[in-house]
C-alpha atoms as a PDB file:
ATOM      1  CA  MET A   1     110.854 129.327 100.194  1.00  0.00           C
ATOM      2  CA  PRO A   2     113.763 126.852 100.286  1.00  0.00           C
ATOM      3  CA  ALA A   3     114.371 124.840  97.144  1.00  0.00           C
ATOM      4  CA  ALA A   4     113.083 121.288  97.386  1.00  0.00           C
ATOM      5  CA  ARG A   5     115.766 118.635  97.750  1.00  0.00           C
ATOM      6  CA  SER A   6     115.690 114.894  98.356  1.00  0.00           C
ATOM      7  CA  VAL A   7     115.211 113.527 101.860  1.00  0.00           C
ATOM      8  CA  LEU A   8     117.367 110.532 102.772  1.00  0.00           C
ATOM      9  CA  LEU A   9     115.336 107.893 104.604  1.00  0.00           C
ATOM     10  CA  SER A  10     116.477 104.627 106.128  1.00  0.00           C
ATOM     11  CA  TYR A  11     114.712 101.728 107.754  1.00  0.00           C
ATOM     12  CA  LYS A  12     115.589  98.296 109.058  1.00  0.00           C
ATOM     13  CA  ASN A  13     114.612  95.336 106.918  1.00  0.00           C
ATOM     14  CA  LYS A  14     115.088  92.008 108.722  1.00  0.00           C
ATOM     15  CA  ARG A  15     116.160  90.166 105.586  1.00  0.00           C
ATOM     16  CA  GLU A  16     118.157  92.811 103.762  1.00  0.00           C
ATOM     17  CA  GLY A  17     119.696  94.867 106.553  1.00  0.00           C
ATOM     18  CA  ASP A  18     119.817  98.659 106.475  1.00  0.00           C
ATOM     19  CA  ILE A  19     118.189 100.152 103.385  1.00  0.00           C
ATOM     20  CA  HIS A  20     118.485 103.793 102.383  1.00  0.00           C
ATOM     21  CA  MET A  21     115.681 105.378 100.428  1.00  0.00           C
ATOM     22  CA  THR A  22     115.389 108.832  98.898  1.00  0.00           C
ATOM     23  CA  LEU A  23     112.082 110.588  98.359  1.00  0.00           C
ATOM     24  CA  LYS A  24     112.134 111.685  94.744  1.00  0.00           C
ATOM     25  CA  ASP A  25     108.784 113.395  94.233  1.00  0.00           C
ATOM     26  CA  CYS A  26     107.170 114.240  97.570  1.00  0.00           C
ATOM     27  CA  GLU A  27     104.565 117.007  97.523  1.00  0.00           C
ATOM     28  CA  ASN A  28     102.175 116.237 100.378  1.00  0.00           C
ATOM     29  CA  CYS A  29     101.586 114.056 103.393  1.00  0.00           C
ATOM     30  CA  LEU A  30      99.067 113.080 106.043  1.00  0.00           C
ATOM     31  CA  VAL A  31     100.010 113.777 109.662  1.00  0.00           C
ATOM     32  CA  TYR A  32      98.532 111.690 112.467  1.00  0.00           C
ATOM     33  CA  GLY A  33      97.855 112.923 115.978  1.00  0.00           C
ATOM     34  CA  SER A  34      99.107 111.429 119.224  1.00  0.00           C
ATOM     35  CA  ASP A  35      95.904 109.333 119.280  1.00  0.00           C
ATOM     36  CA  LYS A  36      97.038 107.666 115.998  1.00  0.00           C
ATOM     37  CA  ARG A  37      94.101 109.212 114.125  1.00  0.00           C
ATOM     38  CA  PRO A  38      94.524 111.453 111.045  1.00  0.00           C
ATOM     39  CA  LEU A  39      95.198 115.012 112.163  1.00  0.00           C
ATOM     40  CA  ALA A  40      95.677 117.079 109.002  1.00  0.00           C
ATOM     41  CA  ARG A  41      97.010 117.068 105.479  1.00  0.00           C
ATOM     42  CA  ALA A  42     100.154 119.081 104.758  1.00  0.00           C
ATOM     43  CA  ARG A  43     102.294 120.322 101.901  1.00  0.00           C
ATOM     44  CA  VAL A  44     105.883 119.094 102.105  1.00  0.00           C
ATOM     45  CA  VAL A  45     109.070 121.074 101.530  1.00  0.00           C
ATOM     46  CA  GLN A  46     112.198 118.929 101.664  1.00  0.00           C
ATOM     47  CA  LEU A  47     115.166 120.721 103.215  1.00  0.00           C
ATOM     48  CA  GLY A  48     117.781 117.996 102.887  1.00  0.00           C
ATOM     49  CA  ASP A  49     118.915 114.883 104.767  1.00  0.00           C
ATOM     50  CA  ASP A  50     116.083 114.049 107.187  1.00  0.00           C
ATOM     51  CA  GLU A  51     114.788 117.601 107.709  1.00  0.00           C
ATOM     52  CA  ILE A  52     111.413 118.730 106.354  1.00  0.00           C
ATOM     53  CA  GLN A  53     109.019 121.643 106.635  1.00  0.00           C
ATOM     54  CA  LEU A  54     105.253 121.145 106.499  1.00  0.00           C
ATOM     55  CA  PHE A  55     102.531 123.677 105.682  1.00  0.00           C
ATOM     56  CA  PHE A  56      98.909 123.159 106.782  1.00  0.00           C
ATOM     57  CA  SER A  57      95.751 124.699 105.320  1.00  0.00           C
ATOM     58  CA  SER A  58      93.770 123.650 108.395  1.00  0.00           C
ATOM     59  CA  TYR A  59      93.091 126.299 111.044  1.00  0.00           C
ATOM     60  CA  LYS A  60      92.305 123.690 113.730  1.00  0.00           C
ATOM     61  CA  LEU A  61      95.836 123.227 115.052  1.00  0.00           C
ATOM     62  CA  ARG A  62      97.826 124.536 118.002  1.00  0.00           C
ATOM     63  CA  ASN A  63     101.413 125.041 119.081  1.00  0.00           C
ATOM     64  CA  ALA A  64     102.835 121.656 119.975  1.00  0.00           C
ATOM     65  CA  ARG A  65     105.841 119.370 119.825  1.00  0.00           C
ATOM     66  CA  LEU A  66     105.007 115.768 119.040  1.00  0.00           C
ATOM     67  CA  ARG A  67     106.524 112.528 117.840  1.00  0.00           C
ATOM     68  CA  THR A  68     104.037 110.913 115.500  1.00  0.00           C
ATOM     69  CA  ILE A  69     103.346 108.966 112.315  1.00  0.00           C
ATOM     70  CA  VAL A  70     103.423 110.760 108.964  1.00  0.00           C
ATOM     71  CA  ASP A  71     102.392 109.184 105.659  1.00  0.00           C
ATOM     72  CA  PHE A  72     104.505 110.752 102.913  1.00  0.00           C
ATOM     73  CA  TYR A  73     103.437 110.383  99.311  1.00  0.00           C
ATOM     74  CA  ASP A  74     106.300 109.927  96.894  1.00  0.00           C
ATOM     75  CA  GLY A  75     105.165 110.224  93.292  1.00  0.00           C
ATOM     76  CA  GLN A  76     107.692 107.659  92.099  1.00  0.00           C
ATOM     77  CA  GLN A  77     108.034 105.273  95.029  1.00  0.00           C
ATOM     78  CA  GLY A  78     104.654 105.182  96.730  1.00  0.00           C
ATOM     79  CA  LEU A  79     103.390 105.655 100.263  1.00  0.00           C
ATOM     80  CA  VAL A  80     106.135 106.006 102.887  1.00  0.00           C
ATOM     81  CA  ARG A  81     104.940 105.655 106.488  1.00  0.00           C
ATOM     82  CA  SER A  82     107.443 107.272 108.848  1.00  0.00           C
ATOM     83  CA  LEU A  83     107.963 108.261 112.449  1.00  0.00           C
ATOM     84  CA  CYS A  84     108.648 112.001 112.670  1.00  0.00           C
ATOM     85  CA  GLU A  85     109.294 114.611 115.313  1.00  0.00           C
ATOM     86  CA  LEU A  86     107.347 117.797 114.546  1.00  0.00           C
ATOM     87  CA  VAL A  87     107.230 121.273 116.057  1.00  0.00           C
ATOM     88  CA  LEU A  88     103.915 122.908 115.145  1.00  0.00           C
ATOM     89  CA  LYS A  89     103.726 126.698 115.128  1.00  0.00           C
ATOM     90  CA  LYS A  90     101.868 129.548 113.464  1.00  0.00           C
ATOM     91  CA  ASN A  91     103.081 130.385 109.988  1.00  0.00           C
ATOM     92  CA  GLN A  92     104.696 133.835 109.835  1.00  0.00           C
ATOM     93  CA  SER A  93     105.624 133.749 106.138  1.00  0.00           C
ATOM     94  CA  ALA A  94     103.860 135.380 103.188  1.00  0.00           C
ATOM     95  CA  ASN A  95     101.607 132.362 102.589  1.00  0.00           C
ATOM     96  CA  ARG A  96     100.152 132.439 106.128  1.00  0.00           C
ATOM     97  CA  ILE A  97      96.612 133.234 104.898  1.00  0.00           C
ATOM     98  CA  SER A  98      96.205 130.031 102.886  1.00  0.00           C
ATOM     99  CA  GLU A  99      98.487 127.968 105.148  1.00  0.00           C
ATOM    100  CA  PRO A 100      98.130 129.347 108.693  1.00  0.00           C
ATOM    101  CA  TRP A 101     100.187 126.625 110.390  1.00  0.00           C
ATOM    102  CA  THR A 102     103.606 125.163 109.714  1.00  0.00           C
ATOM    103  CA  ALA A 103     105.854 122.549 111.286  1.00  0.00           C
ATOM    104  CA  ASP A 104     109.582 121.963 111.387  1.00  0.00           C
ATOM    105  CA  GLY A 105     110.156 118.237 111.242  1.00  0.00           C
ATOM    106  CA  THR A 106     112.744 115.489 111.476  1.00  0.00           C
ATOM    107  CA  ILE A 107     112.221 112.040 109.967  1.00  0.00           C
ATOM    108  CA  LEU A 108     113.346 109.540 112.594  1.00  0.00           C
ATOM    109  CA  LYS A 109     112.674 106.236 110.825  1.00  0.00           C
ATOM    110  CA  VAL A 110     110.544 104.542 108.178  1.00  0.00           C
ATOM    111  CA  TYR A 111     107.987 101.916 109.160  1.00  0.00           C
ATOM    112  CA  ASP A 112     106.738 100.762 105.783  1.00  0.00           C
ATOM    113  CA  VAL A 113     106.737 101.512 102.061  1.00  0.00           C
ATOM    114  CA  LEU A 114     103.934 100.584  99.671  1.00  0.00           C
ATOM    115  CA  GLN A 115     106.082 100.246  96.583  1.00  0.00           C
ATOM    116  CA  ARG A 116     104.829 102.156  93.526  1.00  0.00           C
ATOM    117  CA  GLN A 117     101.447 102.546  95.219  1.00  0.00           C
ATOM    118  CA  LYS A 118     100.082  99.399  93.537  1.00  0.00           C
ATOM    119  CA  ASP A 119      99.181  97.946  96.929  1.00  0.00           C
ATOM    120  CA  LEU A 120      96.888 100.898  97.638  1.00  0.00           C
ATOM    121  CA  ARG A 121      93.395 100.747  96.141  1.00  0.00           C
ATOM    122  CA  VAL A 122      90.496 103.128  96.767  1.00  0.00           C
ATOM    123  CA  LYS A 123      86.778 103.059  96.068  1.00  0.00           C
ATOM    124  CA  VAL A 124      85.516 105.625  93.562  1.00  0.00           C
ATOM    125  CA  HIS A 125      82.513 106.239  91.314  1.00  0.00           C
ATOM    126  CA  ILE A 126      83.712 107.475  87.927  1.00  0.00           C
ATOM    127  CA  ASN A 127      81.356 107.399  84.942  1.00  0.00           C
ATOM    128  CA  LEU A 128      83.117 106.673  81.655  1.00  0.00           C
ATOM    129  CA  GLU A 129      82.581 106.162  77.968  1.00  0.00           C
ATOM    130  CA  CYS A 130      84.598 103.106  76.958  1.00  0.00           C
ATOM    131  CA  ILE A 131      85.721 102.273  73.422  1.00  0.00           C
ATOM    132  CA  THR A 132      86.686  98.912  71.944  1.00  0.00           C
ATOM    133  CA  PRO A 133      89.444  98.607  69.291  1.00  0.00           C
ATOM    134  CA  GLN A 134      86.635  98.219  66.723  1.00  0.00           C
ATOM    135  CA  GLY A 135      85.189 101.607  67.709  1.00  0.00           C
ATOM    136  CA  TYR A 136      82.144 100.325  69.623  1.00  0.00           C
ATOM    137  CA  ARG A 137      81.235 102.642  72.512  1.00  0.00           C
ATOM    138  CA  PHE A 138      79.545 101.777  75.800  1.00  0.00           C
ATOM    139  CA  THR A 139      79.255 103.310  79.260  1.00  0.00           C
ATOM    140  CA  GLY A 140      80.892 102.001  82.402  1.00  0.00           C
ATOM    141  CA  ILE A 141      81.647 102.949  85.992  1.00  0.00           C
ATOM    142  CA  ILE A 142      85.028 102.622  87.699  1.00  0.00           C
ATOM    143  CA  GLN A 143      84.290 101.331  91.205  1.00  0.00           C
ATOM    144  CA  ASN A 144      87.845 101.117  92.507  1.00  0.00           C
ATOM    145  CA  ILE A 145      91.287 101.996  91.237  1.00  0.00           C
ATOM    146  CA  SER A 146      94.973 101.501  91.958  1.00  0.00           C
ATOM    147  CA  ALA A 147      98.086 102.332  89.965  1.00  0.00           C
ATOM    148  CA  GLY A 148      97.898  98.803  88.584  1.00  0.00           C
ATOM    149  CA  GLY A 149      94.334  98.794  87.296  1.00  0.00           C
ATOM    150  CA  ILE A 150      90.615  99.359  87.791  1.00  0.00           C
ATOM    151  CA  PHE A 151      87.445  97.457  88.606  1.00  0.00           C
ATOM    152  CA  LEU A 152      84.895  98.397  85.948  1.00  0.00           C
ATOM    153  CA  LEU A 153      81.129  97.871  86.105  1.00  0.00           C
ATOM    154  CA  ALA A 154      79.357  97.716  82.714  1.00  0.00           C
ATOM    155  CA  ASP A 155      76.398  96.134  80.919  1.00  0.00           C
ATOM    156  CA  GLN A 156      78.619  95.253  77.969  1.00  0.00           C
ATOM    157  CA  LYS A 157      79.857  91.653  78.001  1.00  0.00           C
ATOM    158  CA  MET A 158      83.605  91.263  77.428  1.00  0.00           C
ATOM    159  CA  ASN A 159      86.037  88.376  77.632  1.00  0.00           C
ATOM    160  CA  PRO A 160      89.348  88.188  79.509  1.00  0.00           C
ATOM    161  CA  GLY A 161      92.121  89.494  77.286  1.00  0.00           C
ATOM    162  CA  GLN A 162      89.938  92.081  75.561  1.00  0.00           C
ATOM    163  CA  ALA A 163      91.335  95.616  75.418  1.00  0.00           C
ATOM    164  CA  ILE A 164      89.346  98.841  75.768  1.00  0.00           C
ATOM    165  CA  SER A 165      90.214 102.509  76.184  1.00  0.00           C
ATOM    166  CA  PHE A 166      88.696 105.513  77.941  1.00  0.00           C
ATOM    167  CA  ARG A 167      89.494 109.167  78.544  1.00  0.00           C
ATOM    168  CA  HIS A 168      89.671 110.752  81.988  1.00  0.00           C
ATOM    169  CA  ALA A 169      91.539 113.517  83.833  1.00  0.00           C
ATOM    170  CA  PHE A 170      93.138 112.162  87.007  1.00  0.00           C
ATOM    171  CA  LYS A 171      94.603 115.630  87.605  1.00  0.00           C
ATOM    172  CA  ASP A 172      93.653 119.179  86.653  1.00  0.00           C
ATOM    173  CA  GLY A 173      93.738 119.618  82.899  1.00  0.00           C
ATOM    174  CA  ASP A 174      92.437 117.930  79.778  1.00  0.00           C
ATOM    175  CA  PRO A 175      91.362 114.257  79.823  1.00  0.00           C
ATOM    176  CA  VAL A 176      93.979 111.699  78.820  1.00  0.00           C
ATOM    177  CA  GLU A 177      93.373 108.428  76.987  1.00  0.00           C
ATOM    178  CA  PHE A 178      94.078 105.250  78.966  1.00  0.00           C
ATOM    179  CA  GLY A 179      94.107 101.657  77.805  1.00  0.00           C
ATOM    180  CA  VAL A 180      93.195  98.654  79.958  1.00  0.00           C
ATOM    181  CA  ARG A 181      92.976  94.918  79.392  1.00  0.00           C
ATOM    182  CA  VAL A 182      90.307  92.705  80.973  1.00  0.00           C
ATOM    183  CA  ILE A 183      91.899  90.213  83.365  1.00  0.00           C
ATOM    184  CA  ARG A 184      88.773  88.680  84.886  1.00  0.00           C
ATOM    185  CA  ARG A 185      84.993  88.914  84.572  1.00  0.00           C
ATOM    186  CA  GLN A 186      82.209  88.321  87.063  1.00  0.00           C
ATOM    187  CA  GLU A 187      78.446  88.659  86.823  1.00  0.00           C
ATOM    188  CA  ILE A 188      76.872  91.299  89.074  1.00  0.00           C
ATOM    189  CA  LEU A 189      73.422  89.773  89.458  1.00  0.00           C
ATOM    190  CA  ALA A 190      72.008  92.496  91.696  1.00  0.00           C
ATOM    191  CA  GLN A 191      72.820  95.146  89.086  1.00  0.00           C
ATOM    192  CA  GLY A 192      72.231  93.099  85.962  1.00  0.00           C
ATOM    193  CA  GLY A 193      75.687  93.665  84.526  1.00  0.00           C
ATOM    194  CA  TYR A 194      79.291  92.553  84.721  1.00  0.00           C
ATOM    195  CA  GLY A 195      82.272  93.469  86.844  1.00  0.00           C
ATOM    196  CA  TYR A 196      85.708  93.503  85.227  1.00  0.00           C
ATOM    197  CA  GLY A 197      89.112  93.475  86.824  1.00  0.00           C
ATOM    198  CA  CYS A 198      91.253  95.405  84.341  1.00  0.00           C
ATOM    199  CA  GLN A 199      94.977  96.107  84.123  1.00  0.00           C
ATOM    200  CA  PHE A 200      96.419  99.344  82.762  1.00  0.00           C
ATOM    201  CA  MET A 201      98.423  98.964  79.549  1.00  0.00           C
ATOM    202  CA  ASP A 202     101.421 100.977  78.360  1.00  0.00           C
ATOM    203  CA  LEU A 203     101.167 103.730  80.975  1.00  0.00           C
ATOM    204  CA  SER A 204     103.660 106.538  80.590  1.00  0.00           C
ATOM    205  CA  ALA A 205     105.668 107.410  83.691  1.00  0.00           C
ATOM    206  CA  GLN A 206     103.741 110.688  84.009  1.00  0.00           C
ATOM    207  CA  ASP A 207     100.302 109.066  83.662  1.00  0.00           C
ATOM    208  CA  GLU A 208     101.210 106.423  86.239  1.00  0.00           C
ATOM    209  CA  ALA A 209     102.419 109.112  88.646  1.00  0.00           C
ATOM    210  CA  ASP A 210      99.169 111.064  88.127  1.00  0.00           C
ATOM    211  CA  ILE A 211      97.082 107.979  88.940  1.00  0.00           C
ATOM    212  CA  ARG A 212      99.138 107.239  92.054  1.00  0.00           C
ATOM    213  CA  LYS A 213      98.654 110.822  93.250  1.00  0.00           C
ATOM    214  CA  PHE A 214      94.919 110.573  92.556  1.00  0.00           C
ATOM    215  CA  VAL A 215      94.681 107.330  94.558  1.00  0.00           C
ATOM    216  CA  TYR A 216      96.683 108.747  97.436  1.00  0.00           C
ATOM    217  CA  ASN A 217      94.596 111.936  97.623  1.00  0.00           C
ATOM    218  CA  LYS A 218      91.385 109.898  97.649  1.00  0.00           C
ATOM    219  CA  GLN A 219      92.809 107.810 100.486  1.00  0.00           C
ATOM    220  CA  ILE A 220      93.589 110.957 102.484  1.00  0.00           C
ATOM    221  CA  GLU A 221      90.067 112.304 101.884  1.00  0.00           C
ATOM    222  CA  LYS A 222      88.604 109.005 103.085  1.00  0.00           C
ATOM    223  CA  GLN A 223      90.663 109.032 106.279  1.00  0.00           C
ATOM    224  CA  LEU A 224      89.799 112.653 107.048  1.00  0.00           C
ATOM    225  CA  ARG A 225      86.070 111.998 106.463  1.00  0.00           C
ATOM    226  CA  ARG A 226      86.274 109.044 108.841  1.00  0.00           C
ATOM    227  CA  LYS A 227      87.923 111.275 111.430  1.00  0.00           C
ATOM    228  CA  THR A 228      85.125 113.857 111.061  1.00  0.00           C
ATOM    229  CA  ARG A 229      82.424 111.193 111.445  1.00  0.00           C
ATOM    230  CA  ASN A 230      84.089 109.763 114.545  1.00  0.00           C
ATOM    231  CA  GLN A 231      84.305 113.220 116.097  1.00  0.00           C
ATOM    232  CA  GLY A 232      80.608 113.748 115.377  1.00  0.00           C
ATOM    233  CA  ILE A 233      79.704 110.478 117.095  1.00  0.00           C
ATOM    234  CA  SER A 234      81.819 111.249 120.140  1.00  0.00           C
END
């Protein structure tokens, strides 16, 4: 398999002129069909300049040439929505069992970039044990998350500015400790508790990248589930 290298992207910004952007940590993407609906998720291999190769685990594809939208996830820079030309074909390499389809692709232009993924937030349901600096423990539920912070539901009353910590694995492996600070509080009358908008504190570069990847993967899952539901209705 070719060694991964950076892909040079450029797009037109009305205020700043031509901007060149390099994908620094791109592992996967979401490819849309000609109907602008999510088609399939793919693993990305960067070949250099604007050339890419994609590998699909889905079996529900066919030979085709198409010009379509691809959402690339860059672990350092965020979600990069691009226009690409793809040639889909059956995978003849050694990994054809797990990835039966592949595509040779060219990135034509970039439409938008969600910088550092902080603009992308997804709904989740993650049960946690939270700990205050004094060692008091209580349970909570993360209801949505972005790379910037979480929305936490809990019975425990806290004030803006208060710090808490929790442990969770946003990727395969052992749980990692994260710290957040309460930014705002609201009463959730229907559930008899409180909702807290919290901001992550002192994230390492690796932990932030892991959270961004987690958020992006959840977003892909949501879009693919929506596609499946729409197909069932039709």
